[in-house]
Amino acid sequence: MKTIIIKRPKDKEKYYSDVDIKIFINGSLVEKIGQNEIKEIIINESPFEIKAKLRGGYQSKKLEIDPVNLDEIEIVSNISIGLPPLLIFSASMPLFIFAMNREIFDLWKIVAFLLFFATLVAAIIQFFRIRRNGILIFESKEHKV
């Protein structure tokens, strides 16, 4: 049996978050880690798959890790992913509803529909981005002192 240290450093995340990230090893939930916390997990010496999930669909890729050469893992929210999909999509809803309920300027209806469709596509793309890379898992570069 080997002990692996899992960290979620606050300084590597863009925003403060009270939400815990769920850590799955070989498909089973083993721990929840909050921001700026350090957890120890006891595992077998054999290679294992680790995945992290957060509410709202954010998750990491499955990562296969050999614990023989590893002592620490860092899990952080991906700071390059911006707005949640629902926020992107909901921004165009009032304009779309307003334009469709007016009887003037068919051009405005076309523009509103195109804007609505473009934000819907952007929201779908953003949803798949967070499902794939919403959380990052990597080996810790810092060593224990």
N, C-alpha and C. Protein backbone atom coordinates (compact mmCIF):
# COMPACT_ATOMS: atom_id res chain seq x y z
N MET A 1 0.84 -1.18 0.00
CA MET A 1 0.00 0.00 0.00
C MET A 1 0.89 1.25 0.00
N LYS A 2 0.41 2.25 -0.70
CA LYS A 2 1.17 3.49 -0.80
C LYS A 2 0.23 4.67 -0.55
N THR A 3 0.78 5.72 0.04
CA THR A 3 0.00 6.92 0.31
C THR A 3 0.32 7.98 -0.74
N ILE A 4 -0.72 8.48 -1.38
CA ILE A 4 -0.59 9.55 -2.37
C ILE A 4 -1.19 10.82 -1.75
N ILE A 5 -0.50 11.93 -1.89
CA ILE A 5 -0.99 13.21 -1.40
C ILE A 5 -1.66 13.93 -2.56
N ILE A 6 -2.90 14.37 -2.33
CA ILE A 6 -3.64 15.11 -3.35
C ILE A 6 -3.86 16.52 -2.84
N LYS A 7 -3.46 17.50 -3.67
CA LYS A 7 -3.56 18.91 -3.30
C LYS A 7 -4.51 19.63 -4.25
N ARG A 8 -5.12 20.67 -3.72
CA ARG A 8 -5.90 21.60 -4.55
C ARG A 8 -5.48 23.01 -4.13
N PRO A 9 -4.36 23.50 -4.67
CA PRO A 9 -3.84 24.80 -4.25
C PRO A 9 -4.70 25.97 -4.71
N LYS A 10 -4.94 26.88 -3.79
CA LYS A 10 -5.80 28.04 -4.07
C LYS A 10 -5.14 29.01 -5.05
N ASP A 11 -3.83 29.14 -4.98
CA ASP A 11 -3.13 30.12 -5.81
C ASP A 11 -3.11 29.76 -7.30
N LYS A 12 -3.43 28.53 -7.65
CA LYS A 12 -3.45 28.13 -9.06
C LYS A 12 -4.83 28.19 -9.68
N GLU A 13 -5.84 28.57 -8.90
CA GLU A 13 -7.20 28.72 -9.41
C GLU A 13 -7.54 30.19 -9.49
N LYS A 14 -8.35 30.53 -10.47
CA LYS A 14 -8.67 31.93 -10.74
C LYS A 14 -9.61 32.52 -9.70
N TYR A 15 -10.60 31.76 -9.27
CA TYR A 15 -11.62 32.25 -8.36
C TYR A 15 -11.67 31.40 -7.10
N TYR A 16 -12.16 32.01 -6.02
CA TYR A 16 -12.39 31.27 -4.79
C TYR A 16 -13.63 30.40 -4.98
N SER A 17 -13.59 29.19 -4.46
CA SER A 17 -14.71 28.28 -4.61
C SER A 17 -14.90 27.46 -3.34
N ASP A 18 -16.15 27.40 -2.87
CA ASP A 18 -16.49 26.56 -1.73
C ASP A 18 -16.86 25.14 -2.16
N VAL A 19 -16.94 24.91 -3.45
CA VAL A 19 -17.40 23.63 -3.97
C VAL A 19 -16.27 22.61 -3.91
N ASP A 20 -16.61 21.42 -3.45
CA ASP A 20 -15.63 20.33 -3.38
C ASP A 20 -15.55 19.60 -4.71
N ILE A 21 -14.34 19.23 -5.08
CA ILE A 21 -14.12 18.40 -6.26
C ILE A 21 -14.14 16.94 -5.81
N LYS A 22 -14.91 16.12 -6.51
CA LYS A 22 -14.98 14.70 -6.19
C LYS A 22 -13.87 13.98 -6.93
N ILE A 23 -13.15 13.11 -6.22
CA ILE A 23 -12.04 12.36 -6.81
C ILE A 23 -12.45 10.90 -6.93
N PHE A 24 -12.36 10.40 -8.15
CA PHE A 24 -12.71 9.02 -8.43
C PHE A 24 -11.45 8.25 -8.80
N ILE A 25 -11.24 7.13 -8.16
CA ILE A 25 -10.12 6.24 -8.50
C ILE A 25 -10.72 4.92 -8.93
N ASN A 26 -10.36 4.51 -10.14
CA ASN A 26 -10.90 3.30 -10.78
C ASN A 26 -12.43 3.30 -10.77
N GLY A 27 -13.03 4.47 -10.99
CA GLY A 27 -14.48 4.59 -11.10
C GLY A 27 -15.22 4.73 -9.78
N SER A 28 -14.53 4.67 -8.66
CA SER A 28 -15.19 4.76 -7.35
C SER A 28 -14.84 6.08 -6.66
N LEU A 29 -15.83 6.71 -6.06
CA LEU A 29 -15.60 7.94 -5.32
C LEU A 29 -14.79 7.62 -4.06
N VAL A 30 -13.62 8.27 -3.94
CA VAL A 30 -12.78 8.00 -2.77
C VAL A 30 -12.63 9.20 -1.86
N GLU A 31 -12.78 10.41 -2.39
CA GLU A 31 -12.54 11.60 -1.57
C GLU A 31 -13.16 12.81 -2.22
N LYS A 32 -13.44 13.81 -1.39
CA LYS A 32 -13.83 15.14 -1.87
C LYS A 32 -12.81 16.11 -1.33
N ILE A 33 -12.36 17.02 -2.20
CA ILE A 33 -11.33 17.96 -1.79
C ILE A 33 -11.78 19.39 -2.07
N GLY A 34 -11.66 20.24 -1.06
CA GLY A 34 -12.00 21.64 -1.19
C GLY A 34 -10.79 22.44 -1.60
N GLN A 35 -11.02 23.70 -1.88
CA GLN A 35 -9.92 24.57 -2.30
C GLN A 35 -8.96 24.77 -1.14
N ASN A 36 -7.68 24.70 -1.45
CA ASN A 36 -6.58 24.88 -0.49
C ASN A 36 -6.53 23.76 0.55
N GLU A 37 -6.96 22.57 0.17
CA GLU A 37 -6.90 21.42 1.06
C GLU A 37 -5.88 20.41 0.55
N ILE A 38 -5.42 19.60 1.46
CA ILE A 38 -4.50 18.50 1.14
C ILE A 38 -5.09 17.24 1.74
N LYS A 39 -5.22 16.21 0.92
CA LYS A 39 -5.77 14.93 1.36
C LYS A 39 -4.77 13.83 1.08
N GLU A 40 -4.79 12.80 1.91
CA GLU A 40 -3.95 11.63 1.70
C GLU A 40 -4.86 10.45 1.37
N ILE A 41 -4.48 9.72 0.33
CA ILE A 41 -5.24 8.56 -0.10
C ILE A 41 -4.30 7.36 -0.12
N ILE A 42 -4.74 6.28 0.48
CA ILE A 42 -3.95 5.04 0.49
C ILE A 42 -4.44 4.18 -0.67
N ILE A 43 -3.49 3.78 -1.52
CA ILE A 43 -3.84 2.98 -2.71
C ILE A 43 -2.89 1.79 -2.83
N ASN A 44 -3.22 0.87 -3.73
CA ASN A 44 -2.34 -0.25 -4.03
C ASN A 44 -1.16 0.23 -4.86
N GLU A 45 -0.16 -0.59 -4.98
CA GLU A 45 1.03 -0.24 -5.76
C GLU A 45 0.80 -0.35 -7.27
N SER A 46 -0.33 -0.91 -7.67
CA SER A 46 -0.58 -1.09 -9.10
C SER A 46 -1.06 0.22 -9.72
N PRO A 47 -0.89 0.38 -11.05
CA PRO A 47 -1.39 1.59 -11.72
C PRO A 47 -2.90 1.73 -11.54
N PHE A 48 -3.35 2.97 -11.48
CA PHE A 48 -4.77 3.25 -11.29
C PHE A 48 -5.19 4.41 -12.17
N GLU A 49 -6.51 4.50 -12.39
CA GLU A 49 -7.09 5.61 -13.15
C GLU A 49 -7.71 6.59 -12.18
N ILE A 50 -7.43 7.87 -12.39
CA ILE A 50 -7.99 8.91 -11.55
C ILE A 50 -8.77 9.89 -12.42
N LYS A 51 -9.90 10.34 -11.88
CA LYS A 51 -10.74 11.31 -12.57
C LYS A 51 -11.35 12.21 -11.52
N ALA A 52 -11.54 13.48 -11.86
CA ALA A 52 -12.14 14.43 -10.93
C ALA A 52 -13.38 15.04 -11.57
N LYS A 53 -14.41 15.27 -10.73
CA LYS A 53 -15.67 15.85 -11.22
C LYS A 53 -16.11 16.96 -10.28
N LEU A 54 -16.80 17.92 -10.88
CA LEU A 54 -17.34 19.06 -10.15
C LEU A 54 -18.76 19.27 -10.64
N ARG A 55 -19.60 19.88 -9.84
CA ARG A 55 -20.98 20.10 -10.27
C ARG A 55 -21.02 20.99 -11.52
N GLY A 56 -22.08 20.88 -12.26
CA GLY A 56 -22.21 21.66 -13.49
C GLY A 56 -21.57 20.99 -14.69
N GLY A 57 -21.18 19.74 -14.54
CA GLY A 57 -20.61 19.01 -15.67
C GLY A 57 -19.10 19.11 -15.82
N TYR A 58 -18.46 19.92 -14.98
CA TYR A 58 -17.01 20.05 -15.07
C TYR A 58 -16.36 18.74 -14.66
N GLN A 59 -15.44 18.26 -15.49
CA GLN A 59 -14.70 17.05 -15.15
C GLN A 59 -13.37 17.01 -15.86
N SER A 60 -12.55 16.08 -15.43
CA SER A 60 -11.22 15.93 -16.03
C SER A 60 -11.21 14.72 -16.93
N LYS A 61 -10.14 14.59 -17.68
CA LYS A 61 -9.93 13.38 -18.45
C LYS A 61 -9.47 12.30 -17.48
N LYS A 62 -9.72 11.03 -17.84
CA LYS A 62 -9.18 9.94 -17.03
C LYS A 62 -7.67 9.91 -17.23
N LEU A 63 -6.96 9.81 -16.15
CA LEU A 63 -5.51 9.80 -16.20
C LEU A 63 -5.02 8.53 -15.53
N GLU A 64 -4.22 7.77 -16.26
CA GLU A 64 -3.66 6.55 -15.66
C GLU A 64 -2.33 6.89 -15.02
N ILE A 65 -2.19 6.53 -13.77
CA ILE A 65 -1.01 6.90 -12.99
C ILE A 65 -0.37 5.66 -12.40
N ASP A 66 0.95 5.60 -12.48
CA ASP A 66 1.71 4.55 -11.83
C ASP A 66 2.25 5.12 -10.51
N PRO A 67 1.79 4.63 -9.37
CA PRO A 67 2.15 5.24 -8.10
C PRO A 67 3.58 4.97 -7.63
N VAL A 68 4.32 4.17 -8.35
CA VAL A 68 5.68 3.84 -7.92
C VAL A 68 6.57 5.10 -7.91
N ASN A 69 6.45 5.95 -8.92
CA ASN A 69 7.31 7.13 -9.02
C ASN A 69 6.59 8.43 -8.65
N LEU A 70 5.46 8.34 -7.99
CA LEU A 70 4.65 9.51 -7.74
C LEU A 70 4.28 9.61 -6.27
N ASP A 71 4.39 10.81 -5.71
CA ASP A 71 3.99 11.04 -4.32
C ASP A 71 2.85 12.05 -4.19
N GLU A 72 2.81 13.03 -5.12
CA GLU A 72 1.82 14.10 -5.01
C GLU A 72 1.11 14.34 -6.33
N ILE A 73 -0.17 14.67 -6.23
CA ILE A 73 -1.00 15.03 -7.38
C ILE A 73 -1.68 16.34 -7.07
N GLU A 74 -1.76 17.22 -8.06
CA GLU A 74 -2.49 18.47 -7.90
C GLU A 74 -3.73 18.43 -8.79
N ILE A 75 -4.83 18.90 -8.23
CA ILE A 75 -6.09 18.99 -8.96
C ILE A 75 -6.55 20.43 -8.89
N VAL A 76 -6.77 21.05 -10.06
CA VAL A 76 -7.21 22.44 -10.10
C VAL A 76 -8.29 22.62 -11.16
N SER A 77 -9.13 23.63 -10.95
CA SER A 77 -10.10 24.01 -11.97
C SER A 77 -9.37 24.68 -13.11
N ASN A 78 -9.77 24.41 -14.32
CA ASN A 78 -9.12 24.97 -15.50
C ASN A 78 -9.48 26.46 -15.61
N ILE A 79 -8.48 27.33 -15.49
CA ILE A 79 -8.76 28.77 -15.52
C ILE A 79 -8.97 29.30 -16.94
N SER A 80 -8.65 28.51 -17.95
CA SER A 80 -8.83 28.99 -19.32
C SER A 80 -10.28 28.84 -19.80
N ILE A 81 -11.09 28.13 -19.04
CA ILE A 81 -12.50 27.98 -19.41
C ILE A 81 -13.27 29.10 -18.73
N GLY A 82 -13.95 29.89 -19.55
CA GLY A 82 -14.61 31.09 -19.05
C GLY A 82 -16.00 30.86 -18.53
N LEU A 83 -16.97 31.31 -19.28
CA LEU A 83 -18.35 31.32 -18.83
C LEU A 83 -19.01 29.95 -18.89
N PRO A 84 -19.90 29.68 -17.94
CA PRO A 84 -20.69 28.45 -18.02
C PRO A 84 -21.62 28.50 -19.23
N PRO A 85 -21.97 27.37 -19.81
CA PRO A 85 -22.79 27.35 -21.02
C PRO A 85 -24.15 28.03 -20.86
N LEU A 86 -24.78 27.86 -19.73
CA LEU A 86 -26.10 28.46 -19.54
C LEU A 86 -26.02 29.98 -19.55
N LEU A 87 -24.95 30.53 -19.02
CA LEU A 87 -24.79 31.98 -19.01
C LEU A 87 -24.62 32.53 -20.43
N ILE A 88 -23.90 31.81 -21.26
CA ILE A 88 -23.72 32.23 -22.66
C ILE A 88 -25.07 32.22 -23.38
N PHE A 89 -25.81 31.13 -23.21
CA PHE A 89 -27.07 30.94 -23.90
C PHE A 89 -28.15 31.90 -23.41
N SER A 90 -28.22 32.12 -22.11
CA SER A 90 -29.30 32.92 -21.54
C SER A 90 -29.17 34.40 -21.88
N ALA A 91 -28.01 34.86 -22.29
CA ALA A 91 -27.82 36.27 -22.61
C ALA A 91 -28.64 36.69 -23.83
N SER A 92 -28.86 35.79 -24.76
CA SER A 92 -29.59 36.16 -25.97
C SER A 92 -31.09 35.90 -25.88
N MET A 93 -31.53 35.23 -24.85
CA MET A 93 -32.96 34.89 -24.73
C MET A 93 -33.88 36.12 -24.69
N PRO A 94 -33.62 37.14 -23.84
CA PRO A 94 -34.53 38.28 -23.81
C PRO A 94 -34.62 39.01 -25.16
N LEU A 95 -33.50 39.18 -25.83
CA LEU A 95 -33.52 39.83 -27.14
C LEU A 95 -34.32 39.01 -28.15
N PHE A 96 -34.14 37.71 -28.13
CA PHE A 96 -34.84 36.82 -29.05
C PHE A 96 -36.36 36.89 -28.81
N ILE A 97 -36.77 36.81 -27.56
CA ILE A 97 -38.20 36.86 -27.24
C ILE A 97 -38.79 38.22 -27.60
N PHE A 98 -38.06 39.28 -27.29
CA PHE A 98 -38.52 40.63 -27.61
C PHE A 98 -38.70 40.81 -29.12
N ALA A 99 -37.71 40.38 -29.88
CA ALA A 99 -37.77 40.56 -31.34
C ALA A 99 -38.86 39.71 -31.97
N MET A 100 -39.09 38.51 -31.48
CA MET A 100 -40.10 37.64 -32.08
C MET A 100 -41.52 38.11 -31.77
N ASN A 101 -41.70 38.88 -30.71
CA ASN A 101 -43.04 39.36 -30.35
C ASN A 101 -43.38 40.71 -30.97
N ARG A 102 -42.49 41.28 -31.73
CA ARG A 102 -42.75 42.56 -32.39
C ARG A 102 -43.15 42.31 -33.84
N GLU A 103 -43.98 43.17 -34.37
CA GLU A 103 -44.44 43.01 -35.74
C GLU A 103 -43.71 43.94 -36.70
N ILE A 104 -42.69 44.59 -36.22
CA ILE A 104 -41.96 45.50 -37.10
C ILE A 104 -40.62 44.90 -37.47
N PHE A 105 -40.10 45.31 -38.59
CA PHE A 105 -38.77 44.98 -39.05
C PHE A 105 -38.45 43.48 -39.02
N ASP A 106 -38.76 42.83 -40.10
CA ASP A 106 -38.41 41.42 -40.22
C ASP A 106 -36.91 41.20 -40.16
N LEU A 107 -36.16 42.22 -40.52
CA LEU A 107 -34.70 42.13 -40.44
C LEU A 107 -34.25 41.91 -39.00
N TRP A 108 -34.89 42.58 -38.06
CA TRP A 108 -34.53 42.41 -36.65
C TRP A 108 -34.81 41.00 -36.17
N LYS A 109 -35.86 40.39 -36.68
CA LYS A 109 -36.17 39.00 -36.32
C LYS A 109 -35.10 38.06 -36.83
N ILE A 110 -34.62 38.33 -38.04
CA ILE A 110 -33.55 37.49 -38.61
C ILE A 110 -32.27 37.66 -37.80
N VAL A 111 -31.92 38.89 -37.47
CA VAL A 111 -30.72 39.16 -36.67
C VAL A 111 -30.84 38.51 -35.30
N ALA A 112 -32.00 38.64 -34.66
CA ALA A 112 -32.20 38.04 -33.33
C ALA A 112 -32.10 36.52 -33.40
N PHE A 113 -32.68 35.94 -34.46
CA PHE A 113 -32.59 34.48 -34.60
C PHE A 113 -31.15 34.04 -34.81
N LEU A 114 -30.40 34.74 -35.64
CA LEU A 114 -29.00 34.38 -35.88
C LEU A 114 -28.16 34.53 -34.61
N LEU A 115 -28.41 35.59 -33.85
CA LEU A 115 -27.71 35.76 -32.57
C LEU A 115 -28.06 34.65 -31.60
N PHE A 116 -29.33 34.32 -31.53
CA PHE A 116 -29.79 33.23 -30.66
C PHE A 116 -29.14 31.91 -31.06
N PHE A 117 -29.14 31.62 -32.36
CA PHE A 117 -28.53 30.38 -32.85
C PHE A 117 -27.03 30.34 -32.58
N ALA A 118 -26.34 31.46 -32.79
CA ALA A 118 -24.90 31.52 -32.54
C ALA A 118 -24.57 31.29 -31.06
N THR A 119 -25.37 31.88 -30.17
CA THR A 119 -25.12 31.66 -28.74
C THR A 119 -25.46 30.24 -28.31
N LEU A 120 -26.45 29.65 -28.96
CA LEU A 120 -26.77 28.25 -28.67
C LEU A 120 -25.61 27.35 -29.07
N VAL A 121 -25.05 27.57 -30.24
CA VAL A 121 -23.88 26.79 -30.69
C VAL A 121 -22.69 27.02 -29.76
N ALA A 122 -22.46 28.28 -29.36
CA ALA A 122 -21.36 28.58 -28.44
C ALA A 122 -21.55 27.89 -27.10
N ALA A 123 -22.78 27.84 -26.61
CA ALA A 123 -23.06 27.17 -25.33
C ALA A 123 -22.82 25.67 -25.43
N ILE A 124 -23.19 25.06 -26.55
CA ILE A 124 -22.96 23.63 -26.74
C ILE A 124 -21.47 23.33 -26.81
N ILE A 125 -20.72 24.15 -27.52
CA ILE A 125 -19.26 23.97 -27.60
C ILE A 125 -18.64 24.11 -26.22
N GLN A 126 -19.06 25.13 -25.47
CA GLN A 126 -18.52 25.35 -24.12
C GLN A 126 -18.87 24.18 -23.20
N PHE A 127 -20.06 23.61 -23.34
CA PHE A 127 -20.45 22.47 -22.53
C PHE A 127 -19.51 21.29 -22.78
N PHE A 128 -19.18 21.02 -24.04
CA PHE A 128 -18.28 19.91 -24.33
C PHE A 128 -16.85 20.20 -23.87
N ARG A 129 -16.45 21.47 -23.88
CA ARG A 129 -15.12 21.83 -23.36
C ARG A 129 -15.01 21.55 -21.87
N ILE A 130 -16.05 21.92 -21.10
CA ILE A 130 -15.96 21.68 -19.66
C ILE A 130 -16.11 20.21 -19.32
N ARG A 131 -16.80 19.44 -20.17
CA ARG A 131 -16.92 18.00 -19.93
C ARG A 131 -15.58 17.30 -20.16
N ARG A 132 -14.73 17.90 -20.99
CA ARG A 132 -13.46 17.28 -21.32
C ARG A 132 -12.30 17.83 -20.50
N ASN A 133 -12.25 19.14 -20.29
CA ASN A 133 -11.09 19.75 -19.63
C ASN A 133 -11.47 20.75 -18.55
N GLY A 134 -12.57 20.56 -17.86
CA GLY A 134 -12.98 21.51 -16.83
C GLY A 134 -12.10 21.48 -15.60
N ILE A 135 -11.48 20.34 -15.35
CA ILE A 135 -10.59 20.17 -14.21
C ILE A 135 -9.29 19.55 -14.72
N LEU A 136 -8.18 20.03 -14.21
CA LEU A 136 -6.87 19.52 -14.61
C LEU A 136 -6.25 18.71 -13.48
N ILE A 137 -5.65 17.59 -13.84
CA ILE A 137 -4.92 16.75 -12.89
C ILE A 137 -3.50 16.62 -13.41
N PHE A 138 -2.54 16.89 -12.54
CA PHE A 138 -1.15 16.72 -12.94
C PHE A 138 -0.28 16.44 -11.74
N GLU A 139 0.91 15.94 -12.02
CA GLU A 139 1.86 15.64 -10.95
C GLU A 139 2.36 16.95 -10.34
N SER A 140 2.50 16.95 -9.04
CA SER A 140 2.94 18.15 -8.34
C SER A 140 4.41 18.41 -8.63
N LYS A 141 4.74 19.67 -8.90
CA LYS A 141 6.13 20.06 -9.16
C LYS A 141 6.86 20.44 -7.88
N GLU A 142 6.10 20.69 -6.82
CA GLU A 142 6.71 21.06 -5.54
C GLU A 142 7.02 19.80 -4.77
N HIS A 143 8.12 19.81 -4.04
CA HIS A 143 8.52 18.66 -3.24
C HIS A 143 8.33 18.97 -1.77
N LYS A 144 8.04 17.94 -1.00
CA LYS A 144 7.88 18.13 0.43
C LYS A 144 9.23 18.48 1.06
N VAL A 145 9.17 19.33 2.08
CA VAL A 145 10.41 19.73 2.78
C VAL A 145 10.47 19.02 4.10
